[in-house]
Amino acid sequence: MSSGKVFLGLLAGVAAGALLGILFAPEKGSDTRKKFSKKGEDFADGLKEKFNEFLDSISENFEEVKEEVSGNADEGSTKSGKTAEKVKTSPG
């Protein structure tokens, strides 16, 4: 038996178990739906928070790299200017 079939069977079993658990839960359906809704909202809020943290870190890294590149460009420009001055003032 291939691992893909085993995984698919396991996934189907988990889904069937969750469905049966919901159907035979001791609470009213409206209470169960409210719980699912609340959990879904909590999950969505957590996901949004993680995504915003990810974007912030990317933004910070981008700014650091941009500053570093800008500093290197300024340094290179200064060095090339000094070299040009040396060439102009050297006897030749």
N, C-alpha and C. Protein backbone atom coordinates (compact mmCIF):
# COMPACT_ATOMS: atom_id res chain seq x y z
N MET A 1 0.85 -1.18 0.00
CA MET A 1 0.00 0.00 0.00
C MET A 1 0.90 1.24 0.00
N SER A 2 0.60 2.20 -0.87
CA SER A 2 1.45 3.38 -0.96
C SER A 2 1.14 4.35 0.18
N SER A 3 2.14 5.17 0.48
CA SER A 3 1.97 6.12 1.59
C SER A 3 0.90 7.15 1.27
N GLY A 4 0.69 7.47 0.00
CA GLY A 4 -0.36 8.42 -0.39
C GLY A 4 -1.74 7.90 -0.03
N LYS A 5 -1.96 6.60 -0.26
CA LYS A 5 -3.26 6.01 0.07
C LYS A 5 -3.47 5.96 1.58
N VAL A 6 -2.40 5.67 2.30
CA VAL A 6 -2.49 5.62 3.76
C VAL A 6 -2.83 7.00 4.29
N PHE A 7 -2.16 8.01 3.79
CA PHE A 7 -2.41 9.38 4.22
C PHE A 7 -3.84 9.81 3.90
N LEU A 8 -4.30 9.49 2.71
CA LEU A 8 -5.66 9.82 2.30
C LEU A 8 -6.68 9.12 3.19
N GLY A 9 -6.44 7.85 3.51
CA GLY A 9 -7.33 7.11 4.41
C GLY A 9 -7.34 7.71 5.81
N LEU A 10 -6.17 8.09 6.28
CA LEU A 10 -6.07 8.71 7.60
C LEU A 10 -6.81 10.04 7.63
N LEU A 11 -6.65 10.82 6.59
CA LEU A 11 -7.33 12.12 6.50
C LEU A 11 -8.84 11.93 6.45
N ALA A 12 -9.31 10.96 5.71
CA ALA A 12 -10.75 10.68 5.63
C ALA A 12 -11.28 10.22 6.99
N GLY A 13 -10.50 9.42 7.70
CA GLY A 13 -10.91 8.96 9.03
C GLY A 13 -11.02 10.10 10.02
N VAL A 14 -10.06 11.03 9.96
CA VAL A 14 -10.09 12.19 10.85
C VAL A 14 -11.31 13.05 10.55
N ALA A 15 -11.58 13.27 9.27
CA ALA A 15 -12.73 14.08 8.87
C ALA A 15 -14.04 13.42 9.32
N ALA A 16 -14.15 12.12 9.12
CA ALA A 16 -15.36 11.40 9.53
C ALA A 16 -15.53 11.46 11.05
N GLY A 17 -14.44 11.30 11.78
CA GLY A 17 -14.50 11.37 13.24
C GLY A 17 -14.92 12.74 13.73
N ALA A 18 -14.40 13.78 13.10
CA ALA A 18 -14.78 15.14 13.49
C ALA A 18 -16.26 15.39 13.20
N LEU A 19 -16.73 14.92 12.06
CA LEU A 19 -18.13 15.09 11.70
C LEU A 19 -19.04 14.35 12.69
N LEU A 20 -18.69 13.13 13.02
CA LEU A 20 -19.50 12.37 13.98
C LEU A 20 -19.46 13.00 15.36
N GLY A 21 -18.31 13.54 15.73
CA GLY A 21 -18.20 14.20 17.03
C GLY A 21 -19.10 15.42 17.11
N ILE A 22 -19.18 16.16 16.02
CA ILE A 22 -20.05 17.34 16.00
C ILE A 22 -21.52 16.92 16.02
N LEU A 23 -21.85 15.89 15.25
CA LEU A 23 -23.25 15.45 15.18
C LEU A 23 -23.76 14.91 16.52
N PHE A 24 -22.91 14.23 17.25
CA PHE A 24 -23.34 13.62 18.51
C PHE A 24 -22.88 14.40 19.73
N ALA A 25 -22.52 15.65 19.55
CA ALA A 25 -22.09 16.48 20.67
C ALA A 25 -23.27 16.72 21.61
N PRO A 26 -23.01 16.83 22.90
CA PRO A 26 -24.10 17.00 23.86
C PRO A 26 -24.68 18.43 23.87
N GLU A 27 -24.07 19.36 23.17
CA GLU A 27 -24.56 20.73 23.16
C GLU A 27 -25.54 20.95 22.00
N LYS A 28 -26.30 22.03 22.11
CA LYS A 28 -27.22 22.39 21.03
C LYS A 28 -26.40 22.82 19.81
N GLY A 29 -26.99 22.67 18.65
CA GLY A 29 -26.31 23.03 17.42
C GLY A 29 -25.92 24.50 17.36
N SER A 30 -26.79 25.37 17.89
CA SER A 30 -26.48 26.80 17.87
C SER A 30 -25.25 27.11 18.72
N ASP A 31 -25.13 26.42 19.85
CA ASP A 31 -23.95 26.62 20.70
C ASP A 31 -22.68 26.14 20.01
N THR A 32 -22.80 25.00 19.35
CA THR A 32 -21.65 24.45 18.63
C THR A 32 -21.24 25.39 17.49
N ARG A 33 -22.22 25.92 16.76
CA ARG A 33 -21.90 26.85 15.67
C ARG A 33 -21.23 28.11 16.20
N LYS A 34 -21.70 28.61 17.35
CA LYS A 34 -21.09 29.79 17.96
C LYS A 34 -19.63 29.50 18.33
N LYS A 35 -19.38 28.32 18.88
CA LYS A 35 -18.01 27.94 19.24
C LYS A 35 -17.12 27.88 18.01
N PHE A 36 -17.64 27.26 16.93
CA PHE A 36 -16.87 27.17 15.69
C PHE A 36 -16.59 28.56 15.14
N SER A 37 -17.60 29.41 15.18
CA SER A 37 -17.44 30.78 14.68
C SER A 37 -16.38 31.52 15.48
N LYS A 38 -16.43 31.39 16.80
CA LYS A 38 -15.45 32.05 17.68
C LYS A 38 -14.04 31.53 17.40
N LYS A 39 -13.91 30.23 17.29
CA LYS A 39 -12.60 29.64 17.00
C LYS A 39 -12.08 30.11 15.64
N GLY A 40 -12.98 30.20 14.66
CA GLY A 40 -12.58 30.67 13.34
C GLY A 40 -12.10 32.12 13.39
N GLU A 41 -12.82 32.96 14.14
CA GLU A 41 -12.42 34.36 14.27
C GLU A 41 -11.07 34.47 14.98
N ASP A 42 -10.89 33.67 16.03
CA ASP A 42 -9.62 33.68 16.75
C ASP A 42 -8.47 33.26 15.84
N PHE A 43 -8.73 32.23 15.05
CA PHE A 43 -7.71 31.75 14.12
C PHE A 43 -7.38 32.83 13.08
N ALA A 44 -8.41 33.48 12.54
CA ALA A 44 -8.20 34.52 11.54
C ALA A 44 -7.43 35.70 12.14
N ASP A 45 -7.78 36.08 13.37
CA ASP A 45 -7.06 37.18 14.03
C ASP A 45 -5.60 36.83 14.25
N GLY A 46 -5.35 35.60 14.69
CA GLY A 46 -3.97 35.15 14.89
C GLY A 46 -3.19 35.13 13.60
N LEU A 47 -3.85 34.70 12.54
CA LEU A 47 -3.21 34.64 11.23
C LEU A 47 -2.89 36.05 10.73
N LYS A 48 -3.82 36.99 10.91
CA LYS A 48 -3.57 38.38 10.51
C LYS A 48 -2.39 38.95 11.29
N GLU A 49 -2.35 38.66 12.59
CA GLU A 49 -1.26 39.18 13.43
C GLU A 49 0.09 38.64 12.97
N LYS A 50 0.15 37.35 12.70
CA LYS A 50 1.40 36.74 12.22
C LYS A 50 1.81 37.34 10.87
N PHE A 51 0.83 37.55 10.00
CA PHE A 51 1.13 38.11 8.68
C PHE A 51 1.66 39.53 8.82
N ASN A 52 1.06 40.32 9.70
CA ASN A 52 1.53 41.69 9.92
C ASN A 52 2.94 41.70 10.51
N GLU A 53 3.23 40.79 11.43
CA GLU A 53 4.58 40.68 11.98
C GLU A 53 5.57 40.33 10.87
N PHE A 54 5.17 39.43 9.99
CA PHE A 54 6.02 39.02 8.87
C PHE A 54 6.30 40.22 7.96
N LEU A 55 5.25 40.98 7.64
CA LEU A 55 5.44 42.16 6.79
C LEU A 55 6.33 43.19 7.46
N ASP A 56 6.18 43.38 8.76
CA ASP A 56 7.03 44.33 9.48
C ASP A 56 8.49 43.91 9.42
N SER A 57 8.75 42.63 9.63
CA SER A 57 10.14 42.16 9.60
C SER A 57 10.74 42.30 8.20
N ILE A 58 9.94 42.01 7.18
CA ILE A 58 10.41 42.17 5.80
C ILE A 58 10.72 43.64 5.53
N SER A 59 9.84 44.50 5.99
CA SER A 59 10.03 45.94 5.79
C SER A 59 11.30 46.43 6.49
N GLU A 60 11.51 45.98 7.72
CA GLU A 60 12.72 46.37 8.46
C GLU A 60 13.97 45.88 7.74
N ASN A 61 13.96 44.64 7.29
CA ASN A 61 15.12 44.10 6.58
C ASN A 61 15.37 44.87 5.29
N PHE A 62 14.31 45.23 4.59
CA PHE A 62 14.45 45.99 3.35
C PHE A 62 15.10 47.34 3.63
N GLU A 63 14.66 48.02 4.68
CA GLU A 63 15.22 49.32 5.02
C GLU A 63 16.70 49.21 5.38
N GLU A 64 17.06 48.16 6.13
CA GLU A 64 18.47 47.95 6.50
C GLU A 64 19.33 47.75 5.26
N VAL A 65 18.86 46.93 4.35
CA VAL A 65 19.62 46.66 3.13
C VAL A 65 19.71 47.93 2.28
N LYS A 66 18.62 48.67 2.21
CA LYS A 66 18.61 49.91 1.43
C LYS A 66 19.63 50.91 1.99
N GLU A 67 19.68 51.04 3.31
CA GLU A 67 20.64 51.94 3.94
C GLU A 67 22.07 51.48 3.69
N GLU A 68 22.28 50.17 3.78
CA GLU A 68 23.62 49.63 3.55
C GLU A 68 24.07 49.87 2.11
N VAL A 69 23.19 49.64 1.18
CA VAL A 69 23.53 49.85 -0.23
C VAL A 69 23.79 51.33 -0.50
N SER A 70 22.97 52.18 0.09
CA SER A 70 23.15 53.63 -0.09
C SER A 70 24.50 54.07 0.49
N GLY A 71 24.84 53.54 1.67
CA GLY A 71 26.14 53.86 2.28
C GLY A 71 27.29 53.38 1.43
N ASN A 72 27.18 52.18 0.88
CA ASN A 72 28.24 51.66 0.01
C ASN A 72 28.36 52.49 -1.26
N ALA A 73 27.24 52.95 -1.80
CA ALA A 73 27.27 53.77 -3.02
C ALA A 73 27.94 55.10 -2.72
N ASP A 74 27.61 55.71 -1.58
CA ASP A 74 28.24 56.98 -1.21
C ASP A 74 29.74 56.80 -1.01
N GLU A 75 30.11 55.71 -0.35
CA GLU A 75 31.53 55.42 -0.10
C GLU A 75 32.27 55.22 -1.42
N GLY A 76 31.66 54.50 -2.35
CA GLY A 76 32.28 54.27 -3.65
C GLY A 76 32.40 55.55 -4.43
N SER A 77 31.41 56.42 -4.33
CA SER A 77 31.46 57.70 -5.03
C SER A 77 32.59 58.56 -4.48
N THR A 78 32.74 58.58 -3.17
CA THR A 78 33.82 59.35 -2.54
C THR A 78 35.18 58.82 -2.97
N LYS A 79 35.34 57.52 -2.97
CA LYS A 79 36.62 56.92 -3.36
C LYS A 79 36.93 57.21 -4.82
N SER A 80 35.94 57.13 -5.69
CA SER A 80 36.20 57.38 -7.11
C SER A 80 36.55 58.85 -7.34
N GLY A 81 35.94 59.76 -6.55
CA GLY A 81 36.27 61.18 -6.65
C GLY A 81 37.70 61.44 -6.23
N LYS A 82 38.15 60.80 -5.15
CA LYS A 82 39.53 60.96 -4.67
C LYS A 82 40.51 60.41 -5.69
N THR A 83 40.16 59.29 -6.30
CA THR A 83 41.02 58.69 -7.31
C THR A 83 41.14 59.60 -8.51
N ALA A 84 40.04 60.20 -8.92
CA ALA A 84 40.07 61.11 -10.06
C ALA A 84 40.94 62.32 -9.75
N GLU A 85 40.88 62.82 -8.53
CA GLU A 85 41.71 63.96 -8.14
C GLU A 85 43.19 63.59 -8.18
N LYS A 86 43.51 62.39 -7.72
CA LYS A 86 44.90 61.93 -7.73
C LYS A 86 45.42 61.85 -9.15
N VAL A 87 44.58 61.37 -10.04
CA VAL A 87 45.00 61.22 -11.45
C VAL A 87 45.25 62.62 -12.04
N LYS A 88 44.42 63.58 -11.74
CA LYS A 88 44.57 64.93 -12.28
C LYS A 88 45.82 65.64 -11.73
N THR A 89 46.12 65.40 -10.43
CA THR A 89 47.25 66.08 -9.82
C THR A 89 48.57 65.35 -9.94
N SER A 90 48.55 64.13 -10.41
CA SER A 90 49.83 63.39 -10.53
C SER A 90 50.60 63.89 -11.75
N PRO A 91 51.91 63.95 -11.59
CA PRO A 91 52.73 64.40 -12.72
C PRO A 91 52.71 63.35 -13.81
N GLY A 92 52.57 63.76 -14.95
CA GLY A 92 52.49 62.74 -15.96
C GLY A 92 52.74 63.13 -17.28
